[in-house]
Protein backbone atom coordinates (compact mmCIF):
# COMPACT_ATOMS: atom_id res chain seq x y z
CA UNK A 1 0.00 0.00 0.00
CA UNK A 2 1.45 3.36 -1.02
CA UNK A 3 1.02 6.82 0.36
CA UNK A 4 -0.17 9.93 -1.37
CA UNK A 5 2.39 11.59 -3.61
CA UNK A 6 2.08 15.32 -4.09
CA UNK A 7 3.44 17.82 -6.58
CA UNK A 8 3.71 21.16 -4.83
CA UNK A 9 4.45 24.69 -5.93
CA UNK A 10 5.41 27.27 -3.33
CA UNK A 11 6.55 30.88 -3.25
CA UNK A 12 9.43 31.91 -1.05
CA UNK A 13 9.49 35.57 -0.08
CA UNK A 14 11.34 37.70 2.41
CA UNK A 15 8.67 37.15 5.07
CA UNK A 16 7.95 33.47 4.57
CA UNK A 17 7.10 30.52 2.39
CA UNK A 18 3.62 30.34 0.88
CA UNK A 19 1.94 27.28 -0.66
CA UNK A 20 0.48 28.07 -4.08
CA UNK A 21 -0.54 24.84 -5.79
CA UNK A 22 -0.92 21.30 -4.45
CA UNK A 23 -1.66 18.45 -6.84
CA UNK A 24 -2.01 14.76 -6.15
CA UNK A 25 0.27 12.71 -8.35
CA UNK A 26 -1.17 9.50 -9.78
CA UNK A 27 1.24 7.41 -11.81
CA UNK A 28 0.62 7.54 -15.57
CA UNK A 29 -1.75 4.82 -16.71
CA UNK A 30 -3.18 4.29 -13.20
CA UNK A 31 -6.02 6.73 -13.74
CA UNK A 32 -7.75 8.46 -16.62
CA UNK A 33 -6.02 11.72 -17.60
CA UNK A 34 -3.02 11.02 -15.32
CA UNK A 35 0.09 13.12 -16.02
CA UNK A 36 3.79 12.96 -15.26
CA UNK A 37 5.20 15.12 -12.46
CA UNK A 38 7.03 17.16 -15.11
CA UNK A 39 3.77 17.83 -16.98
CA UNK A 40 2.12 18.81 -13.71
CA UNK A 41 4.89 21.27 -12.85
CA UNK A 42 4.73 22.83 -16.32
CA UNK A 43 1.01 23.44 -15.79
CA UNK A 44 1.66 24.89 -12.32
CA UNK A 45 4.32 27.27 -13.68
CA UNK A 46 1.93 28.32 -16.45
CA UNK A 47 -0.80 29.03 -13.86
CA UNK A 48 1.60 31.19 -11.83
CA UNK A 49 2.52 33.18 -14.94
CA UNK A 50 -1.14 33.57 -15.95
CA UNK A 51 -1.91 34.80 -12.41
CA UNK A 52 0.72 37.52 -12.95
CA UNK A 53 2.86 36.37 -10.04
CA UNK A 54 6.07 38.35 -10.03
CA UNK A 55 8.92 35.84 -10.06
CA UNK A 56 12.12 35.43 -12.00
CA UNK A 57 13.77 32.27 -10.61
CA UNK A 58 12.48 28.75 -9.99
CA UNK A 59 14.24 26.49 -7.52
CA UNK A 60 13.63 22.79 -7.88
CA UNK A 61 14.65 19.59 -6.22
CA UNK A 62 16.83 17.00 -7.89
CA UNK A 63 13.91 14.94 -9.23
CA UNK A 64 12.70 17.85 -11.43
CA UNK A 65 16.13 18.65 -12.92
CA UNK A 66 15.26 17.36 -16.36
CA UNK A 67 16.05 18.82 -19.78
CA UNK A 68 12.42 19.11 -20.92
CA UNK A 69 11.40 21.13 -17.83
CA UNK A 70 14.53 23.29 -17.93
CA UNK A 71 13.86 24.22 -21.57
CA UNK A 72 10.22 25.00 -20.69
CA UNK A 73 11.29 27.28 -17.81
CA UNK A 74 13.81 29.08 -20.01
CA UNK A 75 11.19 29.49 -22.77
CA UNK A 76 9.14 31.47 -20.25
CA UNK A 77 12.04 33.86 -19.64
CA UNK A 78 12.72 32.50 -16.16
CA UNK A 79 15.98 31.43 -14.55
CA UNK A 80 16.28 28.21 -12.55
CA UNK A 81 18.34 26.67 -9.76
CA UNK A 82 18.48 22.92 -9.12
CA UNK A 83 20.35 20.31 -7.16
CA UNK A 84 22.37 18.17 -9.56
CA UNK A 85 23.74 14.63 -9.37
CA UNK A 86 27.47 14.55 -9.88
CA UNK A 87 27.16 12.29 -12.95
CA UNK A 88 25.22 14.89 -14.97
CA UNK A 89 26.73 16.47 -18.07
CA UNK A 90 26.76 20.26 -18.31
CA UNK A 91 27.63 22.54 -21.20
CA UNK A 92 30.63 24.64 -20.21
CA UNK A 93 32.70 26.70 -22.66
CA UNK A 94 30.88 24.98 -25.56
CA UNK A 95 31.89 21.52 -24.32
CA UNK A 96 29.86 18.84 -22.51
CA UNK A 97 31.60 17.75 -19.31
CA UNK A 98 30.60 15.93 -16.12
CA UNK A 99 29.71 18.24 -13.28
CA UNK A 100 32.48 16.60 -11.22
CA UNK A 101 35.05 17.86 -13.78
CA UNK A 102 33.59 21.36 -13.62
CA UNK A 103 33.86 21.59 -9.85
CA UNK A 104 37.21 19.80 -9.56
CA UNK A 105 39.68 22.17 -8.00
CA UNK A 106 37.01 24.70 -7.10
CA UNK A 107 37.93 26.44 -3.86
CA UNK A 108 34.68 27.45 -2.22
CA UNK A 109 36.46 29.72 0.28
CA UNK A 110 37.90 31.73 -2.62
CA UNK A 111 34.56 32.18 -4.37
CA UNK A 112 32.82 35.55 -4.27
CA UNK A 113 29.79 35.73 -2.02
CA UNK A 114 26.83 38.04 -2.46
CA UNK A 115 24.01 39.25 -0.24
CA UNK A 116 20.71 39.87 -1.92
CA UNK A 117 18.20 42.11 -0.13
CA UNK A 118 20.27 42.04 3.07
C-alpha atoms as a PDB file:
ATOM      1  CA  UNK A   1       0.000   0.000   0.000  1.00  0.00           C
ATOM      2  CA  UNK A   2       1.452   3.361  -1.024  1.00  0.00           C
ATOM      3  CA  UNK A   3       1.023   6.822   0.363  1.00  0.00           C
ATOM      4  CA  UNK A   4      -0.174   9.932  -1.368  1.00  0.00           C
ATOM      5  CA  UNK A   5       2.389  11.592  -3.613  1.00  0.00           C
ATOM      6  CA  UNK A   6       2.084  15.321  -4.094  1.00  0.00           C
ATOM      7  CA  UNK A   7       3.438  17.815  -6.575  1.00  0.00           C
ATOM      8  CA  UNK A   8       3.707  21.162  -4.828  1.00  0.00           C
ATOM      9  CA  UNK A   9       4.449  24.689  -5.933  1.00  0.00           C
ATOM     10  CA  UNK A  10       5.414  27.266  -3.329  1.00  0.00           C
ATOM     11  CA  UNK A  11       6.555  30.882  -3.251  1.00  0.00           C
ATOM     12  CA  UNK A  12       9.434  31.909  -1.050  1.00  0.00           C
ATOM     13  CA  UNK A  13       9.493  35.568  -0.080  1.00  0.00           C
ATOM     14  CA  UNK A  14      11.338  37.700   2.414  1.00  0.00           C
ATOM     15  CA  UNK A  15       8.667  37.153   5.070  1.00  0.00           C
ATOM     16  CA  UNK A  16       7.949  33.474   4.573  1.00  0.00           C
ATOM     17  CA  UNK A  17       7.103  30.518   2.394  1.00  0.00           C
ATOM     18  CA  UNK A  18       3.623  30.335   0.876  1.00  0.00           C
ATOM     19  CA  UNK A  19       1.942  27.280  -0.658  1.00  0.00           C
ATOM     20  CA  UNK A  20       0.480  28.070  -4.077  1.00  0.00           C
ATOM     21  CA  UNK A  21      -0.540  24.843  -5.789  1.00  0.00           C
ATOM     22  CA  UNK A  22      -0.921  21.303  -4.446  1.00  0.00           C
ATOM     23  CA  UNK A  23      -1.664  18.450  -6.839  1.00  0.00           C
ATOM     24  CA  UNK A  24      -2.005  14.760  -6.150  1.00  0.00           C
ATOM     25  CA  UNK A  25       0.270  12.708  -8.348  1.00  0.00           C
ATOM     26  CA  UNK A  26      -1.168   9.500  -9.781  1.00  0.00           C
ATOM     27  CA  UNK A  27       1.241   7.410 -11.814  1.00  0.00           C
ATOM     28  CA  UNK A  28       0.618   7.539 -15.566  1.00  0.00           C
ATOM     29  CA  UNK A  29      -1.747   4.822 -16.706  1.00  0.00           C
ATOM     30  CA  UNK A  30      -3.177   4.291 -13.195  1.00  0.00           C
ATOM     31  CA  UNK A  31      -6.025   6.735 -13.744  1.00  0.00           C
ATOM     32  CA  UNK A  32      -7.747   8.456 -16.621  1.00  0.00           C
ATOM     33  CA  UNK A  33      -6.019  11.715 -17.603  1.00  0.00           C
ATOM     34  CA  UNK A  34      -3.024  11.024 -15.323  1.00  0.00           C
ATOM     35  CA  UNK A  35       0.092  13.123 -16.024  1.00  0.00           C
ATOM     36  CA  UNK A  36       3.786  12.963 -15.259  1.00  0.00           C
ATOM     37  CA  UNK A  37       5.203  15.121 -12.462  1.00  0.00           C
ATOM     38  CA  UNK A  38       7.034  17.156 -15.112  1.00  0.00           C
ATOM     39  CA  UNK A  39       3.775  17.833 -16.979  1.00  0.00           C
ATOM     40  CA  UNK A  40       2.119  18.814 -13.707  1.00  0.00           C
ATOM     41  CA  UNK A  41       4.890  21.266 -12.855  1.00  0.00           C
ATOM     42  CA  UNK A  42       4.731  22.829 -16.317  1.00  0.00           C
ATOM     43  CA  UNK A  43       1.010  23.441 -15.785  1.00  0.00           C
ATOM     44  CA  UNK A  44       1.664  24.887 -12.320  1.00  0.00           C
ATOM     45  CA  UNK A  45       4.318  27.268 -13.685  1.00  0.00           C
ATOM     46  CA  UNK A  46       1.928  28.321 -16.453  1.00  0.00           C
ATOM     47  CA  UNK A  47      -0.802  29.027 -13.860  1.00  0.00           C
ATOM     48  CA  UNK A  48       1.601  31.187 -11.832  1.00  0.00           C
ATOM     49  CA  UNK A  49       2.523  33.179 -14.942  1.00  0.00           C
ATOM     50  CA  UNK A  50      -1.140  33.570 -15.949  1.00  0.00           C
ATOM     51  CA  UNK A  51      -1.914  34.802 -12.412  1.00  0.00           C
ATOM     52  CA  UNK A  52       0.723  37.524 -12.950  1.00  0.00           C
ATOM     53  CA  UNK A  53       2.856  36.366 -10.037  1.00  0.00           C
ATOM     54  CA  UNK A  54       6.065  38.353 -10.025  1.00  0.00           C
ATOM     55  CA  UNK A  55       8.918  35.837 -10.056  1.00  0.00           C
ATOM     56  CA  UNK A  56      12.123  35.427 -12.000  1.00  0.00           C
ATOM     57  CA  UNK A  57      13.767  32.266 -10.606  1.00  0.00           C
ATOM     58  CA  UNK A  58      12.475  28.751  -9.995  1.00  0.00           C
ATOM     59  CA  UNK A  59      14.238  26.489  -7.515  1.00  0.00           C
ATOM     60  CA  UNK A  60      13.627  22.789  -7.875  1.00  0.00           C
ATOM     61  CA  UNK A  61      14.648  19.589  -6.222  1.00  0.00           C
ATOM     62  CA  UNK A  62      16.826  16.997  -7.892  1.00  0.00           C
ATOM     63  CA  UNK A  63      13.905  14.941  -9.232  1.00  0.00           C
ATOM     64  CA  UNK A  64      12.704  17.847 -11.426  1.00  0.00           C
ATOM     65  CA  UNK A  65      16.130  18.653 -12.915  1.00  0.00           C
ATOM     66  CA  UNK A  66      15.255  17.360 -16.356  1.00  0.00           C
ATOM     67  CA  UNK A  67      16.048  18.817 -19.777  1.00  0.00           C
ATOM     68  CA  UNK A  68      12.415  19.109 -20.916  1.00  0.00           C
ATOM     69  CA  UNK A  69      11.401  21.126 -17.834  1.00  0.00           C
ATOM     70  CA  UNK A  70      14.535  23.295 -17.927  1.00  0.00           C
ATOM     71  CA  UNK A  71      13.859  24.220 -21.570  1.00  0.00           C
ATOM     72  CA  UNK A  72      10.224  25.005 -20.689  1.00  0.00           C
ATOM     73  CA  UNK A  73      11.286  27.284 -17.811  1.00  0.00           C
ATOM     74  CA  UNK A  74      13.810  29.079 -20.014  1.00  0.00           C
ATOM     75  CA  UNK A  75      11.193  29.489 -22.773  1.00  0.00           C
ATOM     76  CA  UNK A  76       9.136  31.467 -20.247  1.00  0.00           C
ATOM     77  CA  UNK A  77      12.044  33.856 -19.642  1.00  0.00           C
ATOM     78  CA  UNK A  78      12.723  32.500 -16.158  1.00  0.00           C
ATOM     79  CA  UNK A  79      15.975  31.430 -14.548  1.00  0.00           C
ATOM     80  CA  UNK A  80      16.280  28.213 -12.548  1.00  0.00           C
ATOM     81  CA  UNK A  81      18.343  26.665  -9.763  1.00  0.00           C
ATOM     82  CA  UNK A  82      18.481  22.915  -9.115  1.00  0.00           C
ATOM     83  CA  UNK A  83      20.349  20.310  -7.163  1.00  0.00           C
ATOM     84  CA  UNK A  84      22.366  18.170  -9.557  1.00  0.00           C
ATOM     85  CA  UNK A  85      23.741  14.635  -9.374  1.00  0.00           C
ATOM     86  CA  UNK A  86      27.468  14.546  -9.881  1.00  0.00           C
ATOM     87  CA  UNK A  87      27.156  12.293 -12.949  1.00  0.00           C
ATOM     88  CA  UNK A  88      25.221  14.892 -14.970  1.00  0.00           C
ATOM     89  CA  UNK A  89      26.731  16.467 -18.067  1.00  0.00           C
ATOM     90  CA  UNK A  90      26.763  20.260 -18.313  1.00  0.00           C
ATOM     91  CA  UNK A  91      27.626  22.541 -21.200  1.00  0.00           C
ATOM     92  CA  UNK A  92      30.627  24.644 -20.209  1.00  0.00           C
ATOM     93  CA  UNK A  93      32.702  26.700 -22.660  1.00  0.00           C
ATOM     94  CA  UNK A  94      30.884  24.978 -25.562  1.00  0.00           C
ATOM     95  CA  UNK A  95      31.894  21.523 -24.323  1.00  0.00           C
ATOM     96  CA  UNK A  96      29.856  18.845 -22.512  1.00  0.00           C
ATOM     97  CA  UNK A  97      31.598  17.746 -19.309  1.00  0.00           C
ATOM     98  CA  UNK A  98      30.605  15.931 -16.120  1.00  0.00           C
ATOM     99  CA  UNK A  99      29.707  18.243 -13.280  1.00  0.00           C
ATOM    100  CA  UNK A 100      32.484  16.604 -11.216  1.00  0.00           C
ATOM    101  CA  UNK A 101      35.047  17.861 -13.775  1.00  0.00           C
ATOM    102  CA  UNK A 102      33.589  21.361 -13.621  1.00  0.00           C
ATOM    103  CA  UNK A 103      33.863  21.587  -9.848  1.00  0.00           C
ATOM    104  CA  UNK A 104      37.210  19.796  -9.564  1.00  0.00           C
ATOM    105  CA  UNK A 105      39.682  22.170  -7.999  1.00  0.00           C
ATOM    106  CA  UNK A 106      37.005  24.702  -7.101  1.00  0.00           C
ATOM    107  CA  UNK A 107      37.930  26.439  -3.864  1.00  0.00           C
ATOM    108  CA  UNK A 108      34.678  27.447  -2.217  1.00  0.00           C
ATOM    109  CA  UNK A 109      36.456  29.721   0.278  1.00  0.00           C
ATOM    110  CA  UNK A 110      37.897  31.734  -2.619  1.00  0.00           C
ATOM    111  CA  UNK A 111      34.555  32.179  -4.371  1.00  0.00           C
ATOM    112  CA  UNK A 112      32.821  35.546  -4.267  1.00  0.00           C
ATOM    113  CA  UNK A 113      29.793  35.728  -2.022  1.00  0.00           C
ATOM    114  CA  UNK A 114      26.832  38.038  -2.465  1.00  0.00           C
ATOM    115  CA  UNK A 115      24.011  39.246  -0.242  1.00  0.00           C
ATOM    116  CA  UNK A 116      20.705  39.874  -1.924  1.00  0.00           C
ATOM    117  CA  UNK A 117      18.201  42.111  -0.130  1.00  0.00           C
ATOM    118  CA  UNK A 118      20.271  42.037   3.066  1.00  0.00           C
END
